[in-house]
Amino acid sequence: SNHAGVSLHIDNLKGHNAHHQAETIFKAFGRAL
């Protein structure tokens, strides 16, 4: 964010498995980007 000059909002809305939580974040980031 600091070096691309972007405002970035990331929310994990639900999840019990950390692998799944992280993967949904990175996938959603790719799609939003």
Full PDB file with SEQRES, HELIX, SHEET, SSBOND, CRYST1, ORIGX, SCALE, CONECT and MASTER records, all heavy atoms in Angstrom:
SEQRES   1 A   33  SER ASN HIS ALA GLY VAL SER LEU HIS ILE ASP ASN LEU          
SEQRES   2 A   33  LYS GLY HIS ASN ALA HIS HIS GLN ALA GLU THR ILE PHE          
SEQRES   3 A   33  LYS ALA PHE GLY ARG ALA LEU                                  
HELIX    1 AA1 ALA A   18  ALA A   32  1                                  15    
CRYST1    1.000    1.000    1.000  90.00  90.00  90.00 P 1           1          
ORIGX1      1.000000  0.000000  0.000000        0.00000                         
ORIGX2      0.000000  1.000000  0.000000        0.00000                         
ORIGX3      0.000000  0.000000  1.000000        0.00000                         
SCALE1      1.000000  0.000000  0.000000        0.00000                         
SCALE2      0.000000  1.000000  0.000000        0.00000                         
SCALE3      0.000000  0.000000  1.000000        0.00000                         
ATOM      1  N   SER A   1       0.819  -1.214   0.000  1.00  0.00           N  
ATOM      2  CA  SER A   1       0.000   0.000   0.000  1.00  0.00           C  
ATOM      3  C   SER A   1       0.852   1.261   0.000  1.00  0.00           C  
ATOM      4  O   SER A   1       0.617   2.191  -0.779  1.00  0.00           O  
ATOM      5  CB  SER A   1      -0.926  -0.008   1.219  1.00  0.00           C  
ATOM      6  OG  SER A   1      -1.602   1.216   1.347  1.00  0.00           O  
ATOM      7  N   ASN A   2       1.858   1.292   0.858  1.00  0.00           N  
ATOM      8  CA  ASN A   2       2.713   2.474   0.975  1.00  0.00           C  
ATOM      9  C   ASN A   2       3.447   2.796  -0.312  1.00  0.00           C  
ATOM     10  O   ASN A   2       3.652   3.965  -0.649  1.00  0.00           O  
ATOM     11  CB  ASN A   2       3.726   2.293   2.102  1.00  0.00           C  
ATOM     12  CG  ASN A   2       3.102   2.405   3.473  1.00  0.00           C  
ATOM     13  OD1 ASN A   2       1.980   2.905   3.619  1.00  0.00           O  
ATOM     14  ND2 ASN A   2       3.797   1.930   4.485  1.00  0.00           N  
ATOM     15  N   HIS A   3       3.844   1.763  -1.048  1.00  0.00           N  
ATOM     16  CA  HIS A   3       4.706   1.988  -2.214  1.00  0.00           C  
ATOM     17  C   HIS A   3       3.950   1.941  -3.539  1.00  0.00           C  
ATOM     18  O   HIS A   3       4.453   2.455  -4.546  1.00  0.00           O  
ATOM     19  CB  HIS A   3       5.883   1.013  -2.184  1.00  0.00           C  
ATOM     20  CG  HIS A   3       6.822   1.323  -1.052  1.00  0.00           C  
ATOM     21  ND1 HIS A   3       7.901   2.155  -1.200  1.00  0.00           N  
ATOM     22  CD2 HIS A   3       6.807   0.958   0.249  1.00  0.00           C  
ATOM     23  CE1 HIS A   3       8.528   2.279  -0.043  1.00  0.00           C  
ATOM     24  NE2 HIS A   3       7.877   1.560   0.857  1.00  0.00           N  
ATOM     25  N   ALA A   4       2.748   1.375  -3.547  1.00  0.00           N  
ATOM     26  CA  ALA A   4       1.902   1.453  -4.745  1.00  0.00           C  
ATOM     27  C   ALA A   4       1.052   2.722  -4.712  1.00  0.00           C  
ATOM     28  O   ALA A   4       0.497   3.125  -5.727  1.00  0.00           O  
ATOM     29  CB  ALA A   4       1.002   0.226  -4.854  1.00  0.00           C  
ATOM     30  N   GLY A   5       0.948   3.338  -3.527  1.00  0.00           N  
ATOM     31  CA  GLY A   5       0.129   4.546  -3.383  1.00  0.00           C  
ATOM     32  C   GLY A   5      -1.350   4.248  -3.457  1.00  0.00           C  
ATOM     33  O   GLY A   5      -2.108   4.955  -4.122  1.00  0.00           O  
ATOM     34  N   VAL A   6      -1.775   3.188  -2.756  1.00  0.00           N  
ATOM     35  CA  VAL A   6      -3.183   2.804  -2.797  1.00  0.00           C  
ATOM     36  C   VAL A   6      -3.790   2.819  -1.397  1.00  0.00           C  
ATOM     37  O   VAL A   6      -3.098   2.622  -0.396  1.00  0.00           O  
ATOM     38  CB  VAL A   6      -3.384   1.399  -3.403  1.00  0.00           C  
ATOM     39  CG1 VAL A   6      -2.828   1.339  -4.812  1.00  0.00           C  
ATOM     40  CG2 VAL A   6      -2.761   0.313  -2.533  1.00  0.00           C  
ATOM     41  N   SER A   7      -5.082   3.049  -1.354  1.00  0.00           N  
ATOM     42  CA  SER A   7      -5.862   2.857  -0.139  1.00  0.00           C  
ATOM     43  C   SER A   7      -6.435   1.447  -0.215  1.00  0.00           C  
ATOM     44  O   SER A   7      -7.055   1.073  -1.216  1.00  0.00           O  
ATOM     45  CB  SER A   7      -6.983   3.891  -0.064  1.00  0.00           C  
ATOM     46  OG  SER A   7      -7.783   3.669   1.075  1.00  0.00           O  
ATOM     47  N   LEU A   8      -6.206   0.666   0.842  1.00  0.00           N  
ATOM     48  CA  LEU A   8      -6.527  -0.758   0.797  1.00  0.00           C  
ATOM     49  C   LEU A   8      -7.297  -1.163   2.059  1.00  0.00           C  
ATOM     50  O   LEU A   8      -6.815  -0.972   3.175  1.00  0.00           O  
ATOM     51  CB  LEU A   8      -5.219  -1.548   0.687  1.00  0.00           C  
ATOM     52  CG  LEU A   8      -5.257  -3.054   0.501  1.00  0.00           C  
ATOM     53  CD1 LEU A   8      -6.034  -3.428  -0.763  1.00  0.00           C  
ATOM     54  CD2 LEU A   8      -3.830  -3.592   0.418  1.00  0.00           C  
ATOM     55  N   HIS A   9      -8.506  -1.679   1.860  1.00  0.00           N  
ATOM     56  CA  HIS A   9      -9.327  -2.161   2.968  1.00  0.00           C  
ATOM     57  C   HIS A   9      -9.453  -3.678   2.858  1.00  0.00           C  
ATOM     58  O   HIS A   9      -9.897  -4.193   1.822  1.00  0.00           O  
ATOM     59  CB  HIS A   9     -10.720  -1.530   2.921  1.00  0.00           C  
ATOM     60  CG  HIS A   9     -10.714  -0.068   3.243  1.00  0.00           C  
ATOM     61  ND1 HIS A   9     -11.188   0.422   4.441  1.00  0.00           N  
ATOM     62  CD2 HIS A   9     -10.277   1.005   2.534  1.00  0.00           C  
ATOM     63  CE1 HIS A   9     -11.049   1.743   4.462  1.00  0.00           C  
ATOM     64  NE2 HIS A   9     -10.491   2.113   3.309  1.00  0.00           N  
ATOM     65  N   ILE A  10      -9.055  -4.373   3.923  1.00  0.00           N  
ATOM     66  CA  ILE A  10      -9.070  -5.837   3.940  1.00  0.00           C  
ATOM     67  C   ILE A  10      -9.845  -6.307   5.161  1.00  0.00           C  
ATOM     68  O   ILE A  10      -9.489  -5.973   6.292  1.00  0.00           O  
ATOM     69  CB  ILE A  10      -7.642  -6.408   3.984  1.00  0.00           C  
ATOM     70  CG1 ILE A  10      -6.856  -6.000   2.735  1.00  0.00           C  
ATOM     71  CG2 ILE A  10      -7.676  -7.932   4.123  1.00  0.00           C  
ATOM     72  CD1 ILE A  10      -5.387  -6.386   2.779  1.00  0.00           C  
ATOM     73  N   ASP A  11     -10.906  -7.071   4.938  1.00  0.00           N  
ATOM     74  CA  ASP A  11     -11.712  -7.596   6.032  1.00  0.00           C  
ATOM     75  C   ASP A  11     -11.946  -9.087   5.830  1.00  0.00           C  
ATOM     76  O   ASP A  11     -12.459  -9.504   4.779  1.00  0.00           O  
ATOM     77  CB  ASP A  11     -13.064  -6.877   6.095  1.00  0.00           C  
ATOM     78  CG  ASP A  11     -12.917  -5.401   6.414  1.00  0.00           C  
ATOM     79  OD1 ASP A  11     -12.714  -5.080   7.597  1.00  0.00           O  
ATOM     80  OD2 ASP A  11     -12.986  -4.585   5.476  1.00  0.00           O  
ATOM     81  N   ASN A  12     -11.557  -9.877   6.826  1.00  0.00           N  
ATOM     82  CA  ASN A  12     -11.957 -11.277   6.844  1.00  0.00           C  
ATOM     83  C   ASN A  12     -13.276 -11.344   7.595  1.00  0.00           C  
ATOM     84  O   ASN A  12     -13.333 -11.095   8.803  1.00  0.00           O  
ATOM     85  CB  ASN A  12     -10.889 -12.142   7.523  1.00  0.00           C  
ATOM     86  CG  ASN A  12     -11.322 -13.590   7.660  1.00  0.00           C  
ATOM     87  OD1 ASN A  12     -11.378 -14.112   8.769  1.00  0.00           O  
ATOM     88  ND2 ASN A  12     -11.657 -14.239   6.563  1.00  0.00           N  
ATOM     89  N   LEU A  13     -14.338 -11.626   6.881  1.00  0.00           N  
ATOM     90  CA  LEU A  13     -15.684 -11.561   7.449  1.00  0.00           C  
ATOM     91  C   LEU A  13     -16.032 -12.789   8.280  1.00  0.00           C  
ATOM     92  O   LEU A  13     -16.821 -12.704   9.217  1.00  0.00           O  
ATOM     93  CB  LEU A  13     -16.701 -11.365   6.329  1.00  0.00           C  
ATOM     94  CG  LEU A  13     -16.440 -10.135   5.444  1.00  0.00           C  
ATOM     95  CD1 LEU A  13     -17.454 -10.071   4.313  1.00  0.00           C  
ATOM     96  CD2 LEU A  13     -16.455  -8.855   6.267  1.00  0.00           C  
ATOM     97  N   LYS A  14     -15.439 -13.924   7.924  1.00  0.00           N  
ATOM     98  CA  LYS A  14     -15.639 -15.141   8.710  1.00  0.00           C  
ATOM     99  C   LYS A  14     -14.570 -16.156   8.331  1.00  0.00           C  
ATOM    100  O   LYS A  14     -13.953 -16.071   7.277  1.00  0.00           O  
ATOM    101  CB  LYS A  14     -17.041 -15.725   8.501  1.00  0.00           C  
ATOM    102  CG  LYS A  14     -17.372 -16.087   7.063  1.00  0.00           C  
ATOM    103  CD  LYS A  14     -18.774 -16.651   6.926  1.00  0.00           C  
ATOM    104  CE  LYS A  14     -19.839 -15.591   7.150  1.00  0.00           C  
ATOM    105  NZ  LYS A  14     -21.201 -16.121   6.876  1.00  0.00           N  
ATOM    106  N   GLY A  15     -14.364 -17.117   9.211  1.00  0.00           N  
ATOM    107  CA  GLY A  15     -13.392 -18.162   8.944  1.00  0.00           C  
ATOM    108  C   GLY A  15     -12.851 -18.763  10.220  1.00  0.00           C  
ATOM    109  O   GLY A  15     -12.619 -18.053  11.205  1.00  0.00           O  
ATOM    110  N   HIS A  16     -12.636 -20.098  10.196  1.00  0.00           N  
ATOM    111  CA  HIS A  16     -12.106 -20.808  11.360  1.00  0.00           C  
ATOM    112  C   HIS A  16     -10.735 -21.405  11.087  1.00  0.00           C  
ATOM    113  O   HIS A  16     -10.032 -21.782  12.034  1.00  0.00           O  
ATOM    114  CB  HIS A  16     -13.068 -21.927  11.782  1.00  0.00           C  
ATOM    115  CG  HIS A  16     -14.443 -21.441  12.109  1.00  0.00           C  
ATOM    116  ND1 HIS A  16     -14.690 -20.584  13.156  1.00  0.00           N  
ATOM    117  CD2 HIS A  16     -15.634 -21.673  11.513  1.00  0.00           C  
ATOM    118  CE1 HIS A  16     -15.982 -20.317  13.205  1.00  0.00           C  
ATOM    119  NE2 HIS A  16     -16.580 -20.962  12.219  1.00  0.00           N  
ATOM    120  N   ASN A  17     -10.359 -21.493   9.829  1.00  0.00           N  
ATOM    121  CA  ASN A  17      -9.089 -22.101   9.437  1.00  0.00           C  
ATOM    122  C   ASN A  17      -8.175 -21.010   8.892  1.00  0.00           C  
ATOM    123  O   ASN A  17      -8.528 -20.311   7.936  1.00  0.00           O  
ATOM    124  CB  ASN A  17      -9.357 -23.176   8.374  1.00  0.00           C  
ATOM    125  CG  ASN A  17      -8.087 -23.850   7.900  1.00  0.00           C  
ATOM    126  OD1 ASN A  17      -7.282 -23.237   7.209  1.00  0.00           O  
ATOM    127  ND2 ASN A  17      -7.913 -25.104   8.261  1.00  0.00           N  
ATOM    128  N   ALA A  18      -7.011 -20.836   9.496  1.00  0.00           N  
ATOM    129  CA  ALA A  18      -6.119 -19.734   9.126  1.00  0.00           C  
ATOM    130  C   ALA A  18      -5.664 -19.816   7.671  1.00  0.00           C  
ATOM    131  O   ALA A  18      -5.517 -18.788   6.999  1.00  0.00           O  
ATOM    132  CB  ALA A  18      -4.899 -19.704  10.056  1.00  0.00           C  
ATOM    133  N   HIS A  19      -5.438 -21.028   7.176  1.00  0.00           N  
ATOM    134  CA  HIS A  19      -5.059 -21.190   5.768  1.00  0.00           C  
ATOM    135  C   HIS A  19      -6.176 -20.657   4.872  1.00  0.00           C  
ATOM    136  O   HIS A  19      -5.918 -19.914   3.914  1.00  0.00           O  
ATOM    137  CB  HIS A  19      -4.791 -22.672   5.475  1.00  0.00           C  
ATOM    138  CG  HIS A  19      -4.263 -22.957   4.109  1.00  0.00           C  
ATOM    139  ND1 HIS A  19      -3.164 -23.750   3.879  1.00  0.00           N  
ATOM    140  CD2 HIS A  19      -4.673 -22.568   2.875  1.00  0.00           C  
ATOM    141  CE1 HIS A  19      -2.929 -23.833   2.581  1.00  0.00           C  
ATOM    142  NE2 HIS A  19      -3.848 -23.125   1.945  1.00  0.00           N  
ATOM    143  N   HIS A  20      -7.394 -21.011   5.186  1.00  0.00           N  
ATOM    144  CA  HIS A  20      -8.529 -20.534   4.397  1.00  0.00           C  
ATOM    145  C   HIS A  20      -8.685 -19.019   4.518  1.00  0.00           C  
ATOM    146  O   HIS A  20      -8.974 -18.339   3.520  1.00  0.00           O  
ATOM    147  CB  HIS A  20      -9.825 -21.209   4.861  1.00  0.00           C  
ATOM    148  CG  HIS A  20      -9.870 -22.669   4.590  1.00  0.00           C  
ATOM    149  ND1 HIS A  20     -10.867 -23.489   5.090  1.00  0.00           N  
ATOM    150  CD2 HIS A  20      -9.046 -23.481   3.876  1.00  0.00           C  
ATOM    151  CE1 HIS A  20     -10.666 -24.723   4.687  1.00  0.00           C  
ATOM    152  NE2 HIS A  20      -9.563 -24.756   3.957  1.00  0.00           N  
ATOM    153  N   GLN A  21      -8.516 -18.488   5.719  1.00  0.00           N  
ATOM    154  CA  GLN A  21      -8.611 -17.037   5.910  1.00  0.00           C  
ATOM    155  C   GLN A  21      -7.602 -16.310   5.026  1.00  0.00           C  
ATOM    156  O   GLN A  21      -7.954 -15.375   4.303  1.00  0.00           O  
ATOM    157  CB  GLN A  21      -8.354 -16.678   7.380  1.00  0.00           C  
ATOM    158  CG  GLN A  21      -9.445 -17.083   8.338  1.00  0.00           C  
ATOM    159  CD  GLN A  21      -9.039 -16.770   9.782  1.00  0.00           C  
ATOM    160  OE1 GLN A  21      -8.160 -17.411  10.345  1.00  0.00           O  
ATOM    161  NE2 GLN A  21      -9.678 -15.774  10.362  1.00  0.00           N  
ATOM    162  N   ALA A  22      -6.351 -16.737   5.093  1.00  0.00           N  
ATOM    163  CA  ALA A  22      -5.301 -16.086   4.307  1.00  0.00           C  
ATOM    164  C   ALA A  22      -5.558 -16.222   2.818  1.00  0.00           C  
ATOM    165  O   ALA A  22      -5.408 -15.256   2.055  1.00  0.00           O  
ATOM    166  CB  ALA A  22      -3.937 -16.666   4.670  1.00  0.00           C  
ATOM    167  N   GLU A  23      -5.952 -17.405   2.395  1.00  0.00           N  
ATOM    168  CA  GLU A  23      -6.139 -17.623   0.963  1.00  0.00           C  
ATOM    169  C   GLU A  23      -7.275 -16.771   0.405  1.00  0.00           C  
ATOM    170  O   GLU A  23      -7.165 -16.230  -0.696  1.00  0.00           O  
ATOM    171  CB  GLU A  23      -6.380 -19.112   0.680  1.00  0.00           C  
ATOM    172  CG  GLU A  23      -6.288 -19.438  -0.795  1.00  0.00           C  
ATOM    173  CD  GLU A  23      -6.062 -20.908  -1.076  1.00  0.00           C  
ATOM    174  OE1 GLU A  23      -5.480 -21.614  -0.229  1.00  0.00           O  
ATOM    175  OE2 GLU A  23      -6.469 -21.352  -2.169  1.00  0.00           O  
ATOM    176  N   THR A  24      -8.356 -16.616   1.168  1.00  0.00           N  
ATOM    177  CA  THR A  24      -9.438 -15.757   0.675  1.00  0.00           C  
ATOM    178  C   THR A  24      -8.981 -14.300   0.589  1.00  0.00           C  
ATOM    179  O   THR A  24      -9.387 -13.576  -0.319  1.00  0.00           O  
ATOM    180  CB  THR A  24     -10.690 -15.856   1.571  1.00  0.00           C  
ATOM    181  OG1 THR A  24     -10.368 -15.501   2.921  1.00  0.00           O  
ATOM    182  CG2 THR A  24     -11.293 -17.240   1.531  1.00  0.00           C  
ATOM    183  N   ILE A  25      -8.128 -13.870   1.508  1.00  0.00           N  
ATOM    184  CA  ILE A  25      -7.612 -12.502   1.470  1.00  0.00           C  
ATOM    185  C   ILE A  25      -6.765 -12.270   0.228  1.00  0.00           C  
ATOM    186  O   ILE A  25      -6.960 -11.292  -0.500  1.00  0.00           O  
ATOM    187  CB  ILE A  25      -6.788 -12.207   2.741  1.00  0.00           C  
ATOM    188  CG1 ILE A  25      -7.706 -12.104   3.959  1.00  0.00           C  
ATOM    189  CG2 ILE A  25      -5.968 -10.932   2.585  1.00  0.00           C  
ATOM    190  CD1 ILE A  25      -6.969 -12.171   5.283  1.00  0.00           C  
ATOM    191  N   PHE A  26      -5.834 -13.158  -0.037  1.00  0.00           N  
ATOM    192  CA  PHE A  26      -4.933 -12.964  -1.176  1.00  0.00           C  
ATOM    193  C   PHE A  26      -5.665 -13.126  -2.508  1.00  0.00           C  
ATOM    194  O   PHE A  26      -5.383 -12.405  -3.469  1.00  0.00           O  
ATOM    195  CB  PHE A  26      -3.735 -13.915  -1.080  1.00  0.00           C  
ATOM    196  CG  PHE A  26      -2.658 -13.423  -0.155  1.00  0.00           C  
ATOM    197  CD1 PHE A  26      -2.714 -13.676   1.199  1.00  0.00           C  
ATOM    198  CD2 PHE A  26      -1.574 -12.707  -0.648  1.00  0.00           C  
ATOM    199  CE1 PHE A  26      -1.715 -13.227   2.066  1.00  0.00           C  
ATOM    200  CE2 PHE A  26      -0.570 -12.250   0.198  1.00  0.00           C  
ATOM    201  CZ  PHE A  26      -0.644 -12.509   1.554  1.00  0.00           C  
ATOM    202  N   LYS A  27      -6.623 -14.043  -2.573  1.00  0.00           N  
ATOM    203  CA  LYS A  27      -7.408 -14.187  -3.799  1.00  0.00           C  
ATOM    204  C   LYS A  27      -8.260 -12.942  -4.038  1.00  0.00           C  
ATOM    205  O   LYS A  27      -8.341 -12.438  -5.167  1.00  0.00           O  
ATOM    206  CB  LYS A  27      -8.313 -15.418  -3.707  1.00  0.00           C  
ATOM    207  CG  LYS A  27      -7.597 -16.744  -3.893  1.00  0.00           C  
ATOM    208  CD  LYS A  27      -8.565 -17.907  -3.738  1.00  0.00           C  
ATOM    209  CE  LYS A  27      -7.888 -19.234  -4.057  1.00  0.00           C  
ATOM    210  NZ  LYS A  27      -8.789 -20.392  -3.830  1.00  0.00           N  
ATOM    211  N   ALA A  28      -8.911 -12.444  -2.986  1.00  0.00           N  
ATOM    212  CA  ALA A  28      -9.739 -11.257  -3.133  1.00  0.00           C  
ATOM    213  C   ALA A  28      -8.890 -10.051  -3.506  1.00  0.00           C  
ATOM    214  O   ALA A  28      -9.312  -9.198  -4.309  1.00  0.00           O  
ATOM    215  CB  ALA A  28     -10.514 -10.992  -1.839  1.00  0.00           C  
ATOM    216  N   PHE A  29      -7.692  -9.971  -2.947  1.00  0.00           N  
ATOM    217  CA  PHE A  29      -6.784  -8.882  -3.314  1.00  0.00           C  
ATOM    218  C   PHE A  29      -6.448  -8.955  -4.800  1.00  0.00           C  
ATOM    219  O   PHE A  29      -6.467  -7.935  -5.505  1.00  0.00           O  
ATOM    220  CB  PHE A  29      -5.512  -8.961  -2.471  1.00  0.00           C  
ATOM    221  CG  PHE A  29      -4.452  -7.969  -2.883  1.00  0.00           C  
ATOM    222  CD1 PHE A  29      -4.603  -6.615  -2.625  1.00  0.00           C  
ATOM    223  CD2 PHE A  29      -3.300  -8.395  -3.523  1.00  0.00           C  
ATOM    224  CE1 PHE A  29      -3.626  -5.698  -3.009  1.00  0.00           C  
ATOM    225  CE2 PHE A  29      -2.318  -7.493  -3.904  1.00  0.00           C  
ATOM    226  CZ  PHE A  29      -2.485  -6.139  -3.654  1.00  0.00           C  
ATOM    227  N   GLY A  30      -6.147 -10.146  -5.302  1.00  0.00           N  
ATOM    228  CA  GLY A  30      -5.851 -10.301  -6.726  1.00  0.00           C  
ATOM    229  C   GLY A  30      -7.011  -9.859  -7.599  1.00  0.00           C  
ATOM    230  O   GLY A  30      -6.829  -9.138  -8.582  1.00  0.00           O  
ATOM    231  N   ARG A  31      -8.232 -10.261  -7.229  1.00  0.00           N  
ATOM    232  CA  ARG A  31      -9.409  -9.891  -8.014  1.00  0.00           C  
ATOM    233  C   ARG A  31      -9.672  -8.388  -7.955  1.00  0.00           C  
ATOM    234  O   ARG A  31      -9.996  -7.765  -8.971  1.00  0.00           O  
ATOM    235  CB  ARG A  31     -10.645 -10.639  -7.487  1.00  0.00           C  
ATOM    236  CG  ARG A  31     -10.610 -12.141  -7.712  1.00  0.00           C  
ATOM    237  CD  ARG A  31     -10.759 -12.533  -9.146  1.00  0.00           C  
ATOM    238  NE  ARG A  31     -12.035 -12.122  -9.710  1.00  0.00           N  
ATOM    239  CZ  ARG A  31     -12.450 -12.483 -10.914  1.00  0.00           C  
ATOM    240  NH1 ARG A  31     -11.717 -13.264 -11.678  1.00  0.00           N  
ATOM    241  NH2 ARG A  31     -13.613 -12.044 -11.378  1.00  0.00           N  
ATOM    242  N   ALA A  32      -9.543  -7.792  -6.764  1.00  0.00           N  
ATOM    243  CA  ALA A  32      -9.774  -6.353  -6.627  1.00  0.00           C  
ATOM    244  C   ALA A  32      -8.718  -5.566  -7.396  1.00  0.00           C  
ATOM    245  O   ALA A  32      -9.025  -4.558  -8.048  1.00  0.00           O  
ATOM    246  CB  ALA A  32      -9.760  -5.964  -5.153  1.00  0.00           C  
ATOM    247  N   LEU A  33      -7.481  -6.030  -7.323  1.00  0.00           N  
ATOM    248  CA  LEU A  33      -6.389  -5.379  -8.053  1.00  0.00           C  
ATOM    249  C   LEU A  33      -6.644  -5.430  -9.556  1.00  0.00           C  
ATOM    250  O   LEU A  33      -6.473  -4.432 -10.267  1.00  0.00           O  
ATOM    251  CB  LEU A  33      -5.078  -6.084  -7.699  1.00  0.00           C  
ATOM    252  CG  LEU A  33      -3.773  -5.396  -8.052  1.00  0.00           C  
ATOM    253  CD1 LEU A  33      -3.633  -4.054  -7.361  1.00  0.00           C  
ATOM    254  CD2 LEU A  33      -2.598  -6.317  -7.669  1.00  0.00           C  
TER     255      LEU A  33                                                      
MASTER        0    0    0    1    0    0    0    6  254    1    0    3          
END                                                                             
